[in-house]
């Protein structure tokens, strides 16, 4: 008898986790997360600047962008 199961065949579930369902949906969530993170990052940036007496390396926009780039893929591929 031949074994019809293959351990090397890609599963449908794993393919769905690799690619977002649509680019528009990804950008929608990205923009929501970015807009939510922006005021928090701005407050953190201001307090860090006051505490250390110098401006942090990453500005508030860059830090919020980085947060959105980290969190958004976790929604689609987690």
PDB file of N, CA and C in Angstrom:
ATOM      1  N   UNK A   1       0.828  -1.187   0.000  1.00  0.00           N
ATOM      2  CA  UNK A   1       0.000   0.000   0.000  1.00  0.00           C
ATOM      3  C   UNK A   1       0.867   1.244   0.000  1.00  0.00           C
ATOM      4  N   UNK A   2       0.406   2.274  -0.657  1.00  0.00           N
ATOM      5  CA  UNK A   2       1.151   3.518  -0.752  1.00  0.00           C
ATOM      6  C   UNK A   2       0.637   4.513   0.282  1.00  0.00           C
ATOM      7  N   UNK A   3       1.573   5.197   0.920  1.00  0.00           N
ATOM      8  CA  UNK A   3       1.212   6.220   1.884  1.00  0.00           C
ATOM      9  C   UNK A   3       0.889   7.503   1.117  1.00  0.00           C
ATOM     10  N   UNK A   4      -0.342   7.973   1.218  1.00  0.00           N
ATOM     11  CA  UNK A   4      -0.758   9.154   0.463  1.00  0.00           C
ATOM     12  C   UNK A   4      -0.529  10.452   1.234  1.00  0.00           C
ATOM     13  N   UNK A   5      -0.155  10.358   2.487  1.00  0.00           N
ATOM     14  CA  UNK A   5       0.120  11.576   3.247  1.00  0.00           C
ATOM     15  C   UNK A   5       1.542  12.033   2.985  1.00  0.00           C
ATOM     16  N   UNK A   6       1.714  13.306   2.945  1.00  0.00           N
ATOM     17  CA  UNK A   6       3.036  13.853   2.707  1.00  0.00           C
ATOM     18  C   UNK A   6       3.341  14.897   3.771  1.00  0.00           C
ATOM     19  N   UNK A   7       4.500  14.794   4.364  1.00  0.00           N
ATOM     20  CA  UNK A   7       4.866  15.762   5.399  1.00  0.00           C
ATOM     21  C   UNK A   7       5.445  17.029   4.787  1.00  0.00           C
ATOM     22  N   UNK A   8       5.726  17.006   3.493  1.00  0.00           N
ATOM     23  CA  UNK A   8       6.323  18.165   2.851  1.00  0.00           C
ATOM     24  C   UNK A   8       5.314  19.001   2.071  1.00  0.00           C
ATOM     25  N   UNK A   9       4.068  18.592   2.033  1.00  0.00           N
ATOM     26  CA  UNK A   9       3.053  19.348   1.314  1.00  0.00           C
ATOM     27  C   UNK A   9       2.657  20.572   2.131  1.00  0.00           C
ATOM     28  N   UNK A  10       2.575  21.748   1.497  1.00  0.00           N
ATOM     29  CA  UNK A  10       2.178  22.944   2.248  1.00  0.00           C
ATOM     30  C   UNK A  10       0.711  22.864   2.652  1.00  0.00           C
ATOM     31  N   UNK A  11       0.433  23.262   3.841  1.00  0.00           N
ATOM     32  CA  UNK A  11      -0.952  23.239   4.303  1.00  0.00           C
ATOM     33  C   UNK A  11      -1.628  24.547   3.939  1.00  0.00           C
ATOM     34  N   UNK A  12      -2.916  24.490   3.797  1.00  0.00           N
ATOM     35  CA  UNK A  12      -3.686  25.677   3.441  1.00  0.00           C
ATOM     36  C   UNK A  12      -3.644  26.686   4.579  1.00  0.00           C
ATOM     37  N   UNK A  13      -3.692  26.209   5.814  1.00  0.00           N
ATOM     38  CA  UNK A  13      -3.681  27.111   6.966  1.00  0.00           C
ATOM     39  C   UNK A  13      -2.379  27.892   7.069  1.00  0.00           C
ATOM     40  N   UNK A  14      -1.265  27.243   6.790  1.00  0.00           N
ATOM     41  CA  UNK A  14       0.011  27.952   6.886  1.00  0.00           C
ATOM     42  C   UNK A  14       0.155  28.983   5.774  1.00  0.00           C
ATOM     43  N   UNK A  15      -0.402  28.712   4.580  1.00  0.00           N
ATOM     44  CA  UNK A  15      -0.347  29.688   3.496  1.00  0.00           C
ATOM     45  C   UNK A  15      -1.184  30.918   3.833  1.00  0.00           C
ATOM     46  N   UNK A  16      -2.306  30.716   4.497  1.00  0.00           N
ATOM     47  CA  UNK A  16      -3.169  31.839   4.857  1.00  0.00           C
ATOM     48  C   UNK A  16      -2.505  32.724   5.901  1.00  0.00           C
ATOM     49  N   UNK A  17      -1.674  32.149   6.743  1.00  0.00           N
ATOM     50  CA  UNK A  17      -1.011  32.934   7.773  1.00  0.00           C
ATOM     51  C   UNK A  17       0.148  33.749   7.224  1.00  0.00           C
ATOM     52  N   UNK A  18       0.691  33.369   6.100  1.00  0.00           N
ATOM     53  CA  UNK A  18       1.846  34.074   5.541  1.00  0.00           C
ATOM     54  C   UNK A  18       1.460  35.367   4.843  1.00  0.00           C
ATOM     55  N   UNK A  19       0.296  35.432   4.248  1.00  0.00           N
ATOM     56  CA  UNK A  19      -0.106  36.583   3.458  1.00  0.00           C
ATOM     57  C   UNK A  19      -1.346  37.216   4.067  1.00  0.00           C
ATOM     58  N   UNK A  20      -1.361  38.534   4.197  1.00  0.00           N
ATOM     59  CA  UNK A  20      -2.568  39.174   4.698  1.00  0.00           C
ATOM     60  C   UNK A  20      -3.706  38.977   3.705  1.00  0.00           C
ATOM     61  N   UNK A  21      -4.939  38.997   4.223  1.00  0.00           N
ATOM     62  CA  UNK A  21      -6.079  38.734   3.361  1.00  0.00           C
ATOM     63  C   UNK A  21      -6.213  39.787   2.263  1.00  0.00           C
ATOM     64  N   UNK A  22      -5.874  41.011   2.573  1.00  0.00           N
ATOM     65  CA  UNK A  22      -5.848  42.028   1.528  1.00  0.00           C
ATOM     66  C   UNK A  22      -4.943  43.167   1.976  1.00  0.00           C
ATOM     67  N   UNK A  23      -4.346  43.819   1.017  1.00  0.00           N
ATOM     68  CA  UNK A  23      -3.454  44.925   1.332  1.00  0.00           C
ATOM     69  C   UNK A  23      -4.218  46.084   1.953  1.00  0.00           C
ATOM     70  N   UNK A  24      -5.437  46.296   1.512  1.00  0.00           N
ATOM     71  CA  UNK A  24      -6.262  47.374   2.063  1.00  0.00           C
ATOM     72  C   UNK A  24      -6.585  47.150   3.525  1.00  0.00           C
ATOM     73  N   UNK A  25      -6.894  45.920   3.868  1.00  0.00           N
ATOM     74  CA  UNK A  25      -7.201  45.595   5.261  1.00  0.00           C
ATOM     75  C   UNK A  25      -5.960  45.763   6.134  1.00  0.00           C
ATOM     76  N   UNK A  26      -4.812  45.339   5.624  1.00  0.00           N
ATOM     77  CA  UNK A  26      -3.556  45.499   6.353  1.00  0.00           C
ATOM     78  C   UNK A  26      -3.270  46.975   6.594  1.00  0.00           C
ATOM     79  N   UNK A  27      -3.415  47.797   5.563  1.00  0.00           N
ATOM     80  CA  UNK A  27      -3.158  49.233   5.703  1.00  0.00           C
ATOM     81  C   UNK A  27      -4.154  49.894   6.651  1.00  0.00           C
ATOM     82  N   UNK A  28      -5.388  49.413   6.665  1.00  0.00           N
ATOM     83  CA  UNK A  28      -6.390  49.950   7.591  1.00  0.00           C
ATOM     84  C   UNK A  28      -5.959  49.720   9.037  1.00  0.00           C
ATOM     85  N   UNK A  29      -5.587  48.482   9.348  1.00  0.00           N
ATOM     86  CA  UNK A  29      -5.140  48.183  10.709  1.00  0.00           C
ATOM     87  C   UNK A  29      -3.829  48.893  11.030  1.00  0.00           C
ATOM     88  N   UNK A  30      -2.933  48.964  10.069  1.00  0.00           N
ATOM     89  CA  UNK A  30      -1.667  49.659  10.279  1.00  0.00           C
ATOM     90  C   UNK A  30      -1.916  51.118  10.643  1.00  0.00           C
ATOM     91  N   UNK A  31      -2.801  51.769   9.896  1.00  0.00           N
ATOM     92  CA  UNK A  31      -3.057  53.190  10.160  1.00  0.00           C
ATOM     93  C   UNK A  31      -3.748  53.390  11.511  1.00  0.00           C
ATOM     94  N   UNK A  32      -4.651  52.478  11.887  1.00  0.00           N
ATOM     95  CA  UNK A  32      -5.289  52.586  13.204  1.00  0.00           C
ATOM     96  C   UNK A  32      -4.263  52.454  14.332  1.00  0.00           C
ATOM     97  N   UNK A  33      -3.390  51.487  14.206  1.00  0.00           N
ATOM     98  CA  UNK A  33      -2.371  51.272  15.231  1.00  0.00           C
ATOM     99  C   UNK A  33      -1.393  52.442  15.253  1.00  0.00           C
ATOM    100  N   UNK A  34      -1.017  52.940  14.080  1.00  0.00           N
ATOM    101  CA  UNK A  34      -0.107  54.081  14.008  1.00  0.00           C
ATOM    102  C   UNK A  34      -0.718  55.304  14.678  1.00  0.00           C
ATOM    103  N   UNK A  35      -1.986  55.583  14.376  1.00  0.00           N
ATOM    104  CA  UNK A  35      -2.647  56.742  14.971  1.00  0.00           C
ATOM    105  C   UNK A  35      -2.841  56.591  16.477  1.00  0.00           C
ATOM    106  N   UNK A  36      -3.051  55.368  16.937  1.00  0.00           N
ATOM    107  CA  UNK A  36      -3.184  55.140  18.378  1.00  0.00           C
ATOM    108  C   UNK A  36      -1.836  55.256  19.082  1.00  0.00           C
ATOM    109  N   UNK A  37      -0.776  54.843  18.430  1.00  0.00           N
ATOM    110  CA  UNK A  37       0.555  54.871  19.040  1.00  0.00           C
ATOM    111  C   UNK A  37       1.182  56.256  18.998  1.00  0.00           C
ATOM    112  N   UNK A  38       0.778  57.087  18.059  1.00  0.00           N
ATOM    113  CA  UNK A  38       1.418  58.388  17.881  1.00  0.00           C
ATOM    114  C   UNK A  38       1.358  59.282  19.117  1.00  0.00           C
ATOM    115  N   UNK A  39       0.192  59.488  19.743  1.00  0.00           N
ATOM    116  CA  UNK A  39       0.188  60.346  20.935  1.00  0.00           C
ATOM    117  C   UNK A  39       0.978  59.747  22.103  1.00  0.00           C
ATOM    118  N   UNK A  40       0.933  58.433  22.250  1.00  0.00           N
ATOM    119  CA  UNK A  40       1.679  57.777  23.323  1.00  0.00           C
ATOM    120  C   UNK A  40       3.174  57.947  23.105  1.00  0.00           C
ATOM    121  N   UNK A  41       3.611  57.761  21.875  1.00  0.00           N
ATOM    122  CA  UNK A  41       5.038  57.918  21.557  1.00  0.00           C
ATOM    123  C   UNK A  41       5.474  59.374  21.697  1.00  0.00           C
ATOM    124  N   UNK A  42       4.595  60.306  21.367  1.00  0.00           N
ATOM    125  CA  UNK A  42       4.931  61.725  21.510  1.00  0.00           C
ATOM    126  C   UNK A  42       5.108  62.088  22.981  1.00  0.00           C
ATOM    127  N   UNK A  43       4.220  61.587  23.829  1.00  0.00           N
ATOM    128  CA  UNK A  43       4.342  61.837  25.267  1.00  0.00           C
ATOM    129  C   UNK A  43       5.628  61.217  25.804  1.00  0.00           C
ATOM    130  N   UNK A  44       5.907  59.997  25.393  1.00  0.00           N
ATOM    131  CA  UNK A  44       7.136  59.326  25.827  1.00  0.00           C
ATOM    132  C   UNK A  44       8.370  60.092  25.356  1.00  0.00           C
ATOM    133  N   UNK A  45       8.337  60.593  24.136  1.00  0.00           N
ATOM    134  CA  UNK A  45       9.445  61.355  23.574  1.00  0.00           C
ATOM    135  C   UNK A  45       9.684  62.647  24.366  1.00  0.00           C
ATOM    136  N   UNK A  46       8.604  63.345  24.706  1.00  0.00           N
ATOM    137  CA  UNK A  46       8.714  64.589  25.469  1.00  0.00           C
ATOM    138  C   UNK A  46       9.309  64.325  26.853  1.00  0.00           C
ATOM    139  N   UNK A  47       8.778  63.309  27.544  1.00  0.00           N
ATOM    140  CA  UNK A  47       9.291  62.999  28.878  1.00  0.00           C
ATOM    141  C   UNK A  47      10.738  62.527  28.839  1.00  0.00           C
ATOM    142  N   UNK A  48      11.090  61.759  27.820  1.00  0.00           N
ATOM    143  CA  UNK A  48      12.486  61.317  27.688  1.00  0.00           C
ATOM    144  C   UNK A  48      13.414  62.504  27.440  1.00  0.00           C
ATOM    145  N   UNK A  49      12.955  63.447  26.625  1.00  0.00           N
ATOM    146  CA  UNK A  49      13.769  64.635  26.335  1.00  0.00           C
ATOM    147  C   UNK A  49      13.948  65.490  27.587  1.00  0.00           C
ATOM    148  N   UNK A  50      12.893  65.629  28.369  1.00  0.00           N
ATOM    149  CA  UNK A  50      12.993  66.417  29.593  1.00  0.00           C
ATOM    150  C   UNK A  50      13.854  65.731  30.640  1.00  0.00           C
ATOM    151  N   UNK A  51      13.723  64.417  30.747  1.00  0.00           N
ATOM    152  CA  UNK A  51      14.468  63.663  31.761  1.00  0.00           C
ATOM    153  C   UNK A  51      15.958  63.619  31.439  1.00  0.00           C
ATOM    154  N   UNK A  52      16.297  63.345  30.192  1.00  0.00           N
ATOM    155  CA  UNK A  52      17.700  63.175  29.802  1.00  0.00           C
ATOM    156  C   UNK A  52      18.372  64.487  29.399  1.00  0.00           C
ATOM    157  N   UNK A  53      17.592  65.502  29.094  1.00  0.00           N
ATOM    158  CA  UNK A  53      18.160  66.771  28.663  1.00  0.00           C
ATOM    159  C   UNK A  53      18.606  66.781  27.211  1.00  0.00           C
ATOM    160  N   UNK A  54      18.255  65.757  26.464  1.00  0.00           N
ATOM    161  CA  UNK A  54      18.582  65.697  25.036  1.00  0.00           C
ATOM    162  C   UNK A  54      17.470  64.947  24.311  1.00  0.00           C
ATOM    163  N   UNK A  55      17.407  65.133  23.013  1.00  0.00           N
ATOM    164  CA  UNK A  55      16.356  64.485  22.225  1.00  0.00           C
ATOM    165  C   UNK A  55      16.691  63.016  21.995  1.00  0.00           C
ATOM    166  N   UNK A  56      15.695  62.125  22.134  1.00  0.00           N
ATOM    167  CA  UNK A  56      15.931  60.710  21.827  1.00  0.00           C
ATOM    168  C   UNK A  56      16.264  60.514  20.353  1.00  0.00           C
ATOM    169  N   UNK A  57      16.939  59.398  20.069  1.00  0.00           N
ATOM    170  CA  UNK A  57      17.345  59.104  18.687  1.00  0.00           C
ATOM    171  C   UNK A  57      16.156  58.998  17.745  1.00  0.00           C
ATOM    172  N   UNK A  58      15.138  58.267  18.167  1.00  0.00           N
ATOM    173  CA  UNK A  58      13.934  58.114  17.349  1.00  0.00           C
ATOM    174  C   UNK A  58      12.919  59.171  17.745  1.00  0.00           C
ATOM    175  N   UNK A  59      12.397  59.859  16.750  1.00  0.00           N
ATOM    176  CA  UNK A  59      11.339  60.826  17.005  1.00  0.00           C
ATOM    177  C   UNK A  59      10.016  60.111  17.245  1.00  0.00           C
ATOM    178  N   UNK A  60       8.987  60.843  17.641  1.00  0.00           N
ATOM    179  CA  UNK A  60       7.701  60.202  17.943  1.00  0.00           C
ATOM    180  C   UNK A  60       7.049  59.548  16.725  1.00  0.00           C
ATOM    181  N   UNK A  61       7.194  60.151  15.561  1.00  0.00           N
ATOM    182  CA  UNK A  61       6.573  59.573  14.359  1.00  0.00           C
ATOM    183  C   UNK A  61       7.291  58.286  13.974  1.00  0.00           C
ATOM    184  N   UNK A  62       8.607  58.319  14.013  1.00  0.00           N
ATOM    185  CA  UNK A  62       9.371  57.123  13.650  1.00  0.00           C
ATOM    186  C   UNK A  62       9.119  55.988  14.635  1.00  0.00           C
ATOM    187  N   UNK A  63       9.011  56.321  15.904  1.00  0.00           N
ATOM    188  CA  UNK A  63       8.753  55.299  16.912  1.00  0.00           C
ATOM    189  C   UNK A  63       7.343  54.706  16.758  1.00  0.00           C
ATOM    190  N   UNK A  64       6.346  55.556  16.478  1.00  0.00           N
ATOM    191  CA  UNK A  64       4.978  55.073  16.257  1.00  0.00           C
ATOM    192  C   UNK A  64       4.918  54.199  15.004  1.00  0.00           C
ATOM    193  N   UNK A  65       5.641  54.601  13.961  1.00  0.00           N
ATOM    194  CA  UNK A  65       5.695  53.803  12.724  1.00  0.00           C
ATOM    195  C   UNK A  65       6.290  52.426  13.013  1.00  0.00           C
ATOM    196  N   UNK A  66       7.352  52.413  13.804  1.00  0.00           N
ATOM    197  CA  UNK A  66       8.006  51.160  14.171  1.00  0.00           C
ATOM    198  C   UNK A  66       7.069  50.264  14.990  1.00  0.00           C
ATOM    199  N   UNK A  67       6.334  50.871  15.907  1.00  0.00           N
ATOM    200  CA  UNK A  67       5.363  50.108  16.708  1.00  0.00           C
ATOM    201  C   UNK A  67       4.290  49.501  15.812  1.00  0.00           C
ATOM    202  N   UNK A  68       3.788  50.278  14.873  1.00  0.00           N
ATOM    203  CA  UNK A  68       2.756  49.773  13.960  1.00  0.00           C
ATOM    204  C   UNK A  68       3.300  48.656  13.074  1.00  0.00           C
ATOM    205  N   UNK A  69       4.561  48.784  12.651  1.00  0.00           N
ATOM    206  CA  UNK A  69       5.173  47.733  11.835  1.00  0.00           C
ATOM    207  C   UNK A  69       5.383  46.449  12.631  1.00  0.00           C
ATOM    208  N   UNK A  70       5.518  46.560  13.924  1.00  0.00           N
ATOM    209  CA  UNK A  70       5.708  45.394  14.767  1.00  0.00           C
ATOM    210  C   UNK A  70       4.378  44.728  15.110  1.00  0.00           C
ATOM    211  N   UNK A  71       3.374  45.519  15.417  1.00  0.00           N
ATOM    212  CA  UNK A  71       2.107  44.983  15.918  1.00  0.00           C
ATOM    213  C   UNK A  71       1.197  44.485  14.804  1.00  0.00           C
ATOM    214  N   UNK A  72       1.107  45.197  13.694  1.00  0.00           N
ATOM    215  CA  UNK A  72       0.164  44.837  12.631  1.00  0.00           C
ATOM    216  C   UNK A  72       0.380  43.426  12.078  1.00  0.00           C
ATOM    217  N   UNK A  73       1.583  42.998  11.763  1.00  0.00           N
ATOM    218  CA  UNK A  73       1.739  41.623  11.272  1.00  0.00           C
ATOM    219  C   UNK A  73       1.319  40.567  12.293  1.00  0.00           C
ATOM    220  N   UNK A  74       1.411  40.883  13.569  1.00  0.00           N
ATOM    221  CA  UNK A  74       1.005  39.926  14.589  1.00  0.00           C
ATOM    222  C   UNK A  74      -0.505  39.686  14.543  1.00  0.00           C
ATOM    223  N   UNK A  75      -1.268  40.666  14.102  1.00  0.00           N
ATOM    224  CA  UNK A  75      -2.716  40.500  13.976  1.00  0.00           C
ATOM    225  C   UNK A  75      -3.017  39.492  12.868  1.00  0.00           C
ATOM    226  N   UNK A  76      -2.300  39.595  11.751  1.00  0.00           N
ATOM    227  CA  UNK A  76      -2.590  38.755  10.596  1.00  0.00           C
ATOM    228  C   UNK A  76      -1.941  37.387  10.664  1.00  0.00           C
ATOM    229  N   UNK A  77      -0.764  37.275  11.255  1.00  0.00           N
ATOM    230  CA  UNK A  77      -0.029  36.026  11.188  1.00  0.00           C
ATOM    231  C   UNK A  77       0.139  35.320  12.510  1.00  0.00           C
ATOM    232  N   UNK A  78      -0.517  35.811  13.541  1.00  0.00           N
ATOM    233  CA  UNK A  78      -0.378  35.159  14.853  1.00  0.00           C
ATOM    234  C   UNK A  78      -1.351  34.011  15.005  1.00  0.00           C
TER     235      UNK A  78
END
